[in-house]
Amino acid sequence: MPSEVTAISPFVDKLMLLLRNGGCIPEGVSDVEIALREALANAIIHGNHEDRRKHVHVTCRCEHDEVSIAVKDEGKGFDINNVPDPTAPENIRSVHGRGIHVIRALMDEVHFEEDGAVIRMRKSAGEAPKLLAKDAQKNSTK
């Protein structure tokens, strides 16, 4: 995809439709969508510096009740160990620095490769479909 922030929503909307139709993400679960939006924004803004000559490459593997996504930018990468903790008091008011924290909170596995130019994320639906079904059943009996 192109390194343009405006390309994120259309791309994510199409991919999420494919993933939901493929059965690897249940309807109503948005963790993967939020994590993907954050990873793409990081790749475009911080990795490629919104350089329209560069691209962000996304690969996805969809299995029943599980999805794996890799997002790769064409930037120089970064040292994951030097990313400030967004929950530290001195960083609370910062407008940047929450994306990686959010991704890690939402996904089951997160790995950085190629000096930070690649993020690999995995999410298993696990109990989510059962919990959603129970919630729907509870709501229908009220």
N, C-alpha and C. Protein backbone atom coordinates (compact mmCIF):
# COMPACT_ATOMS: atom_id res chain seq x y z
N MET A 1 0.84 -1.18 0.00
CA MET A 1 0.00 0.00 0.00
C MET A 1 0.89 1.24 0.00
N PRO A 2 0.38 2.36 -0.49
CA PRO A 2 1.19 3.58 -0.52
C PRO A 2 1.40 4.16 0.88
N SER A 3 2.46 4.91 1.05
CA SER A 3 2.76 5.56 2.34
C SER A 3 1.96 6.84 2.48
N GLU A 4 0.66 6.69 2.58
CA GLU A 4 -0.25 7.82 2.75
C GLU A 4 -1.23 7.47 3.87
N VAL A 5 -1.34 8.34 4.84
CA VAL A 5 -2.23 8.10 5.97
C VAL A 5 -3.67 7.89 5.49
N THR A 6 -4.05 8.58 4.42
CA THR A 6 -5.43 8.45 3.90
C THR A 6 -5.70 7.06 3.32
N ALA A 7 -4.67 6.28 3.07
CA ALA A 7 -4.84 4.93 2.51
C ALA A 7 -5.15 3.90 3.60
N ILE A 8 -4.96 4.26 4.87
CA ILE A 8 -5.12 3.28 5.96
C ILE A 8 -6.55 2.77 6.06
N SER A 9 -7.51 3.65 6.19
CA SER A 9 -8.90 3.21 6.41
C SER A 9 -9.45 2.35 5.28
N PRO A 10 -9.32 2.75 4.02
CA PRO A 10 -9.84 1.88 2.96
C PRO A 10 -9.17 0.51 2.94
N PHE A 11 -7.86 0.49 3.18
CA PHE A 11 -7.12 -0.77 3.19
C PHE A 11 -7.60 -1.66 4.33
N VAL A 12 -7.68 -1.11 5.53
CA VAL A 12 -8.09 -1.88 6.70
C VAL A 12 -9.52 -2.37 6.55
N ASP A 13 -10.40 -1.52 6.06
CA ASP A 13 -11.80 -1.92 5.88
C ASP A 13 -11.91 -3.14 4.97
N LYS A 14 -11.18 -3.14 3.86
CA LYS A 14 -11.23 -4.27 2.92
C LYS A 14 -10.62 -5.52 3.54
N LEU A 15 -9.48 -5.38 4.19
CA LEU A 15 -8.82 -6.54 4.78
C LEU A 15 -9.67 -7.14 5.90
N MET A 16 -10.26 -6.30 6.74
CA MET A 16 -11.08 -6.81 7.84
C MET A 16 -12.30 -7.56 7.31
N LEU A 17 -12.88 -7.10 6.22
CA LEU A 17 -14.01 -7.80 5.62
C LEU A 17 -13.58 -9.19 5.16
N LEU A 18 -12.42 -9.27 4.52
CA LEU A 18 -11.90 -10.57 4.09
C LEU A 18 -11.63 -11.48 5.28
N LEU A 19 -11.04 -10.95 6.34
CA LEU A 19 -10.71 -11.75 7.51
C LEU A 19 -11.96 -12.24 8.23
N ARG A 20 -12.96 -11.39 8.32
CA ARG A 20 -14.21 -11.81 8.97
C ARG A 20 -14.94 -12.85 8.12
N ASN A 21 -14.97 -12.63 6.81
CA ASN A 21 -15.61 -13.59 5.92
C ASN A 21 -14.85 -14.92 5.89
N GLY A 22 -13.55 -14.86 6.12
CA GLY A 22 -12.72 -16.07 6.16
C GLY A 22 -12.82 -16.83 7.46
N GLY A 23 -13.47 -16.26 8.45
CA GLY A 23 -13.71 -16.96 9.71
C GLY A 23 -12.56 -16.90 10.70
N CYS A 24 -11.55 -16.08 10.43
CA CYS A 24 -10.44 -16.03 11.39
C CYS A 24 -10.60 -14.91 12.41
N ILE A 25 -11.58 -14.04 12.20
CA ILE A 25 -11.91 -13.00 13.18
C ILE A 25 -13.43 -12.96 13.31
N PRO A 26 -13.94 -13.14 14.51
CA PRO A 26 -15.40 -13.09 14.67
C PRO A 26 -15.94 -11.67 14.53
N GLU A 27 -17.14 -11.57 14.07
CA GLU A 27 -17.82 -10.28 13.97
C GLU A 27 -17.89 -9.64 15.35
N GLY A 28 -17.68 -8.35 15.42
CA GLY A 28 -17.78 -7.64 16.69
C GLY A 28 -16.48 -7.56 17.47
N VAL A 29 -15.44 -8.27 17.04
CA VAL A 29 -14.14 -8.20 17.72
C VAL A 29 -13.26 -7.24 16.93
N SER A 30 -12.78 -6.19 17.60
CA SER A 30 -12.05 -5.14 16.88
C SER A 30 -10.57 -5.04 17.25
N ASP A 31 -10.05 -5.95 18.08
CA ASP A 31 -8.65 -5.88 18.50
C ASP A 31 -7.69 -5.88 17.31
N VAL A 32 -7.92 -6.78 16.36
CA VAL A 32 -7.03 -6.89 15.20
C VAL A 32 -7.11 -5.62 14.36
N GLU A 33 -8.29 -5.10 14.18
CA GLU A 33 -8.46 -3.88 13.38
C GLU A 33 -7.70 -2.71 14.00
N ILE A 34 -7.84 -2.53 15.30
CA ILE A 34 -7.15 -1.42 15.98
C ILE A 34 -5.64 -1.60 15.89
N ALA A 35 -5.15 -2.82 16.16
CA ALA A 35 -3.71 -3.09 16.10
C ALA A 35 -3.18 -2.86 14.69
N LEU A 36 -3.92 -3.30 13.69
CA LEU A 36 -3.49 -3.12 12.31
C LEU A 36 -3.42 -1.64 11.95
N ARG A 37 -4.42 -0.87 12.34
CA ARG A 37 -4.41 0.58 12.08
C ARG A 37 -3.18 1.24 12.72
N GLU A 38 -2.87 0.85 13.95
CA GLU A 38 -1.70 1.41 14.64
C GLU A 38 -0.40 1.02 13.93
N ALA A 39 -0.29 -0.25 13.54
CA ALA A 39 0.93 -0.71 12.87
C ALA A 39 1.12 0.00 11.53
N LEU A 40 0.04 0.18 10.78
CA LEU A 40 0.13 0.88 9.50
C LEU A 40 0.49 2.34 9.69
N ALA A 41 -0.11 2.99 10.67
CA ALA A 41 0.21 4.40 10.94
C ALA A 41 1.68 4.54 11.32
N ASN A 42 2.16 3.64 12.17
CA ASN A 42 3.58 3.68 12.56
C ASN A 42 4.49 3.50 11.34
N ALA A 43 4.14 2.54 10.48
CA ALA A 43 4.96 2.27 9.30
C ALA A 43 4.98 3.47 8.36
N ILE A 44 3.83 4.08 8.15
CA ILE A 44 3.74 5.21 7.22
C ILE A 44 4.40 6.46 7.81
N ILE A 45 4.06 6.79 9.05
CA ILE A 45 4.53 8.04 9.64
C ILE A 45 5.97 7.95 10.12
N HIS A 46 6.27 6.94 10.91
CA HIS A 46 7.60 6.85 11.53
C HIS A 46 8.60 6.08 10.68
N GLY A 47 8.14 5.03 9.99
CA GLY A 47 9.04 4.22 9.17
C GLY A 47 9.37 4.88 7.85
N ASN A 48 8.34 5.19 7.08
CA ASN A 48 8.54 5.75 5.74
C ASN A 48 8.48 7.27 5.72
N HIS A 49 8.22 7.91 6.83
CA HIS A 49 8.15 9.37 6.94
C HIS A 49 7.22 9.97 5.89
N GLU A 50 6.12 9.26 5.62
CA GLU A 50 5.10 9.69 4.66
C GLU A 50 5.68 10.00 3.28
N ASP A 51 6.74 9.30 2.92
CA ASP A 51 7.37 9.46 1.61
C ASP A 51 6.54 8.66 0.60
N ARG A 52 5.89 9.35 -0.31
CA ARG A 52 4.99 8.71 -1.27
C ARG A 52 5.71 7.78 -2.24
N ARG A 53 7.02 7.86 -2.29
CA ARG A 53 7.78 6.95 -3.16
C ARG A 53 7.97 5.58 -2.49
N LYS A 54 7.72 5.53 -1.18
CA LYS A 54 7.88 4.28 -0.45
C LYS A 54 6.53 3.61 -0.23
N HIS A 55 6.58 2.33 0.10
CA HIS A 55 5.36 1.56 0.31
C HIS A 55 5.41 0.82 1.64
N VAL A 56 4.25 0.40 2.07
CA VAL A 56 4.12 -0.46 3.24
C VAL A 56 3.61 -1.79 2.71
N HIS A 57 4.27 -2.86 3.11
CA HIS A 57 3.93 -4.20 2.63
C HIS A 57 3.24 -4.96 3.76
N VAL A 58 2.09 -5.53 3.45
CA VAL A 58 1.31 -6.26 4.44
C VAL A 58 1.11 -7.69 3.96
N THR A 59 1.44 -8.64 4.83
CA THR A 59 1.11 -10.03 4.55
C THR A 59 0.22 -10.53 5.66
N CYS A 60 -0.66 -11.44 5.30
CA CYS A 60 -1.65 -11.90 6.25
C CYS A 60 -1.88 -13.39 6.05
N ARG A 61 -2.00 -14.09 7.16
CA ARG A 61 -2.35 -15.51 7.11
C ARG A 61 -3.61 -15.69 7.96
N CYS A 62 -4.62 -16.21 7.33
CA CYS A 62 -5.90 -16.40 8.00
C CYS A 62 -6.15 -17.90 8.15
N GLU A 63 -6.30 -18.32 9.38
CA GLU A 63 -6.69 -19.69 9.67
C GLU A 63 -7.94 -19.62 10.52
N HIS A 64 -8.62 -20.74 10.65
CA HIS A 64 -9.85 -20.73 11.44
C HIS A 64 -9.56 -20.23 12.85
N ASP A 65 -10.20 -19.15 13.24
CA ASP A 65 -10.09 -18.55 14.57
C ASP A 65 -8.70 -18.00 14.90
N GLU A 66 -7.89 -17.68 13.88
CA GLU A 66 -6.58 -17.09 14.13
C GLU A 66 -6.13 -16.30 12.91
N VAL A 67 -5.43 -15.20 13.19
CA VAL A 67 -4.88 -14.40 12.11
C VAL A 67 -3.46 -13.98 12.48
N SER A 68 -2.58 -13.99 11.48
CA SER A 68 -1.22 -13.49 11.63
C SER A 68 -1.01 -12.42 10.56
N ILE A 69 -0.46 -11.29 10.99
CA ILE A 69 -0.25 -10.17 10.08
C ILE A 69 1.18 -9.66 10.25
N ALA A 70 1.82 -9.37 9.12
CA ALA A 70 3.14 -8.73 9.14
C ALA A 70 3.02 -7.42 8.38
N VAL A 71 3.58 -6.36 8.96
CA VAL A 71 3.59 -5.04 8.33
C VAL A 71 5.05 -4.62 8.22
N LYS A 72 5.47 -4.33 6.99
CA LYS A 72 6.87 -3.96 6.75
C LYS A 72 6.93 -2.62 6.05
N ASP A 73 7.75 -1.72 6.59
CA ASP A 73 7.96 -0.44 5.92
C ASP A 73 9.32 -0.44 5.24
N GLU A 74 9.61 0.62 4.52
CA GLU A 74 10.88 0.73 3.81
C GLU A 74 11.84 1.68 4.52
N GLY A 75 11.60 1.88 5.81
CA GLY A 75 12.44 2.76 6.61
C GLY A 75 13.66 2.03 7.17
N LYS A 76 14.40 2.75 8.01
CA LYS A 76 15.64 2.21 8.59
C LYS A 76 15.38 1.41 9.85
N GLY A 77 14.14 1.39 10.32
CA GLY A 77 13.83 0.67 11.55
C GLY A 77 14.08 1.54 12.77
N PHE A 78 14.02 0.90 13.95
CA PHE A 78 14.21 1.61 15.20
C PHE A 78 14.57 0.59 16.27
N ASP A 79 15.08 1.08 17.37
CA ASP A 79 15.43 0.21 18.49
C ASP A 79 14.23 0.12 19.42
N ILE A 80 13.58 -1.02 19.45
CA ILE A 80 12.39 -1.21 20.27
C ILE A 80 12.68 -0.96 21.75
N ASN A 81 13.92 -1.14 22.16
CA ASN A 81 14.30 -0.93 23.56
C ASN A 81 14.40 0.55 23.92
N ASN A 82 14.40 1.42 22.93
CA ASN A 82 14.49 2.86 23.19
C ASN A 82 13.14 3.57 23.04
N VAL A 83 12.07 2.81 22.94
CA VAL A 83 10.74 3.41 22.85
C VAL A 83 10.29 3.75 24.26
N PRO A 84 9.98 5.02 24.52
CA PRO A 84 9.56 5.42 25.87
C PRO A 84 8.26 4.75 26.30
N ASP A 85 8.15 4.48 27.58
CA ASP A 85 6.95 3.89 28.15
C ASP A 85 5.85 4.95 28.18
N PRO A 86 4.75 4.75 27.43
CA PRO A 86 3.70 5.77 27.38
C PRO A 86 2.93 5.91 28.70
N THR A 87 3.10 4.94 29.60
CA THR A 87 2.39 5.01 30.88
C THR A 87 3.22 5.70 31.96
N ALA A 88 4.47 6.03 31.64
CA ALA A 88 5.32 6.75 32.61
C ALA A 88 4.79 8.17 32.78
N PRO A 89 4.82 8.70 34.00
CA PRO A 89 4.26 10.03 34.26
C PRO A 89 4.76 11.12 33.31
N GLU A 90 6.04 11.08 32.94
CA GLU A 90 6.59 12.12 32.07
C GLU A 90 6.09 12.00 30.62
N ASN A 91 5.47 10.87 30.27
CA ASN A 91 5.01 10.67 28.90
C ASN A 91 3.49 10.69 28.75
N ILE A 92 2.79 10.84 29.82
CA ILE A 92 1.33 10.76 29.80
C ILE A 92 0.71 11.77 28.82
N ARG A 93 1.24 12.95 28.75
CA ARG A 93 0.67 14.00 27.88
C ARG A 93 1.24 14.00 26.47
N SER A 94 2.15 13.08 26.18
CA SER A 94 2.75 13.02 24.85
C SER A 94 1.70 12.62 23.81
N VAL A 95 1.79 13.22 22.63
CA VAL A 95 0.84 12.90 21.57
C VAL A 95 1.28 11.68 20.76
N HIS A 96 2.50 11.20 20.98
CA HIS A 96 3.03 10.03 20.27
C HIS A 96 3.46 8.98 21.29
N GLY A 97 3.68 7.77 20.79
CA GLY A 97 4.29 6.74 21.62
C GLY A 97 3.35 5.72 22.23
N ARG A 98 2.08 5.73 21.82
CA ARG A 98 1.15 4.76 22.40
C ARG A 98 0.87 3.58 21.48
N GLY A 99 1.20 3.69 20.20
CA GLY A 99 0.86 2.67 19.22
C GLY A 99 1.38 1.29 19.56
N ILE A 100 2.66 1.18 19.84
CA ILE A 100 3.25 -0.13 20.15
C ILE A 100 2.64 -0.69 21.43
N HIS A 101 2.42 0.16 22.41
CA HIS A 101 1.81 -0.26 23.67
C HIS A 101 0.40 -0.82 23.41
N VAL A 102 -0.37 -0.15 22.59
CA VAL A 102 -1.72 -0.59 22.26
C VAL A 102 -1.67 -1.93 21.50
N ILE A 103 -0.79 -2.02 20.52
CA ILE A 103 -0.67 -3.26 19.74
C ILE A 103 -0.35 -4.44 20.66
N ARG A 104 0.61 -4.25 21.54
CA ARG A 104 0.99 -5.34 22.46
C ARG A 104 -0.16 -5.73 23.39
N ALA A 105 -0.96 -4.75 23.79
CA ALA A 105 -2.09 -5.03 24.68
C ALA A 105 -3.21 -5.80 23.96
N LEU A 106 -3.37 -5.56 22.67
CA LEU A 106 -4.48 -6.15 21.93
C LEU A 106 -4.19 -7.49 21.27
N MET A 107 -2.94 -7.72 20.92
CA MET A 107 -2.59 -8.93 20.18
C MET A 107 -1.97 -9.97 21.12
N ASP A 108 -2.06 -11.24 20.74
CA ASP A 108 -1.51 -12.32 21.55
C ASP A 108 0.01 -12.38 21.46
N GLU A 109 0.54 -12.14 20.28
CA GLU A 109 1.99 -12.14 20.07
C GLU A 109 2.37 -10.95 19.20
N VAL A 110 3.49 -10.31 19.54
CA VAL A 110 4.01 -9.20 18.75
C VAL A 110 5.53 -9.34 18.72
N HIS A 111 6.09 -9.34 17.51
CA HIS A 111 7.54 -9.45 17.34
C HIS A 111 8.00 -8.39 16.35
N PHE A 112 9.17 -7.83 16.60
CA PHE A 112 9.77 -6.88 15.68
C PHE A 112 10.99 -7.54 15.04
N GLU A 113 11.14 -7.34 13.73
CA GLU A 113 12.25 -7.92 12.98
C GLU A 113 12.87 -6.85 12.09
N GLU A 114 14.00 -7.20 11.50
CA GLU A 114 14.71 -6.31 10.58
C GLU A 114 14.92 -4.94 11.20
N ASP A 115 15.45 -4.93 12.41
CA ASP A 115 15.74 -3.69 13.15
C ASP A 115 14.49 -2.82 13.36
N GLY A 116 13.33 -3.45 13.46
CA GLY A 116 12.10 -2.72 13.73
C GLY A 116 11.32 -2.32 12.49
N ALA A 117 11.82 -2.64 11.30
CA ALA A 117 11.10 -2.29 10.08
C ALA A 117 9.93 -3.24 9.80
N VAL A 118 9.89 -4.36 10.52
CA VAL A 118 8.81 -5.34 10.36
C VAL A 118 8.19 -5.61 11.71
N ILE A 119 6.87 -5.60 11.77
CA ILE A 119 6.15 -6.03 12.97
C ILE A 119 5.30 -7.23 12.57
N ARG A 120 5.42 -8.29 13.35
CA ARG A 120 4.60 -9.49 13.15
C ARG A 120 3.66 -9.61 14.33
N MET A 121 2.38 -9.78 14.04
CA MET A 121 1.36 -9.84 15.08
C MET A 121 0.50 -11.08 14.86
N ARG A 122 0.07 -11.69 15.97
CA ARG A 122 -0.82 -12.83 15.87
C ARG A 122 -1.93 -12.69 16.89
N LYS A 123 -3.13 -13.06 16.47
CA LYS A 123 -4.28 -13.02 17.37
C LYS A 123 -5.10 -14.28 17.15
N SER A 124 -5.35 -14.97 18.23
CA SER A 124 -6.21 -16.13 18.20
C SER A 124 -7.57 -15.72 18.75
N ALA A 125 -8.63 -16.09 18.05
CA ALA A 125 -9.97 -15.74 18.51
C ALA A 125 -10.28 -16.49 19.80
N GLY A 126 -9.76 -17.72 19.92
CA GLY A 126 -9.91 -18.50 21.14
C GLY A 126 -11.33 -18.55 21.64
N GLU A 127 -11.54 -17.97 22.80
CA GLU A 127 -12.86 -18.00 23.44
C GLU A 127 -13.78 -16.89 22.96
N ALA A 128 -13.29 -15.97 22.16
CA ALA A 128 -14.11 -14.83 21.76
C ALA A 128 -15.42 -15.23 21.09
N PRO A 129 -15.44 -16.18 20.14
CA PRO A 129 -16.72 -16.53 19.52
C PRO A 129 -17.70 -17.11 20.54
N LYS A 130 -17.21 -17.92 21.46
CA LYS A 130 -18.09 -18.49 22.49
C LYS A 130 -18.64 -17.40 23.40
N LEU A 131 -17.78 -16.46 23.79
CA LEU A 131 -18.23 -15.38 24.66
C LEU A 131 -19.25 -14.49 23.96
N LEU A 132 -19.01 -14.20 22.68
CA LEU A 132 -19.96 -13.39 21.92
C LEU A 132 -21.31 -14.11 21.80
N ALA A 133 -21.26 -15.41 21.58
CA ALA A 133 -22.50 -16.18 21.48
C ALA A 133 -23.26 -16.17 22.79
N LYS A 134 -22.54 -16.31 23.92
CA LYS A 134 -23.18 -16.27 25.24
C LYS A 134 -23.81 -14.91 25.49
N ASP A 135 -23.08 -13.83 25.14
CA ASP A 135 -23.61 -12.47 25.32
C ASP A 135 -24.88 -12.27 24.47
N ALA A 136 -24.85 -12.75 23.24
CA ALA A 136 -26.00 -12.60 22.36
C ALA A 136 -27.20 -13.38 22.92
N GLN A 137 -26.91 -14.59 23.45
CA GLN A 137 -27.98 -15.39 24.02
C GLN A 137 -28.55 -14.72 25.25
N LYS A 138 -27.68 -14.15 26.11
CA LYS A 138 -28.14 -13.44 27.31
C LYS A 138 -29.03 -12.27 26.93
N ASN A 139 -28.58 -11.48 25.94
CA ASN A 139 -29.32 -10.30 25.52
C ASN A 139 -30.66 -10.65 24.89
N SER A 140 -30.74 -11.80 24.22
CA SER A 140 -32.00 -12.17 23.57
C SER A 140 -33.04 -12.68 24.56
N THR A 141 -32.57 -13.12 25.75
CA THR A 141 -33.52 -13.62 26.76
C THR A 141 -34.00 -12.53 27.69
N LYS A 142 -33.46 -11.34 27.57
CA LYS A 142 -33.87 -10.23 28.44
C LYS A 142 -35.11 -9.56 27.93
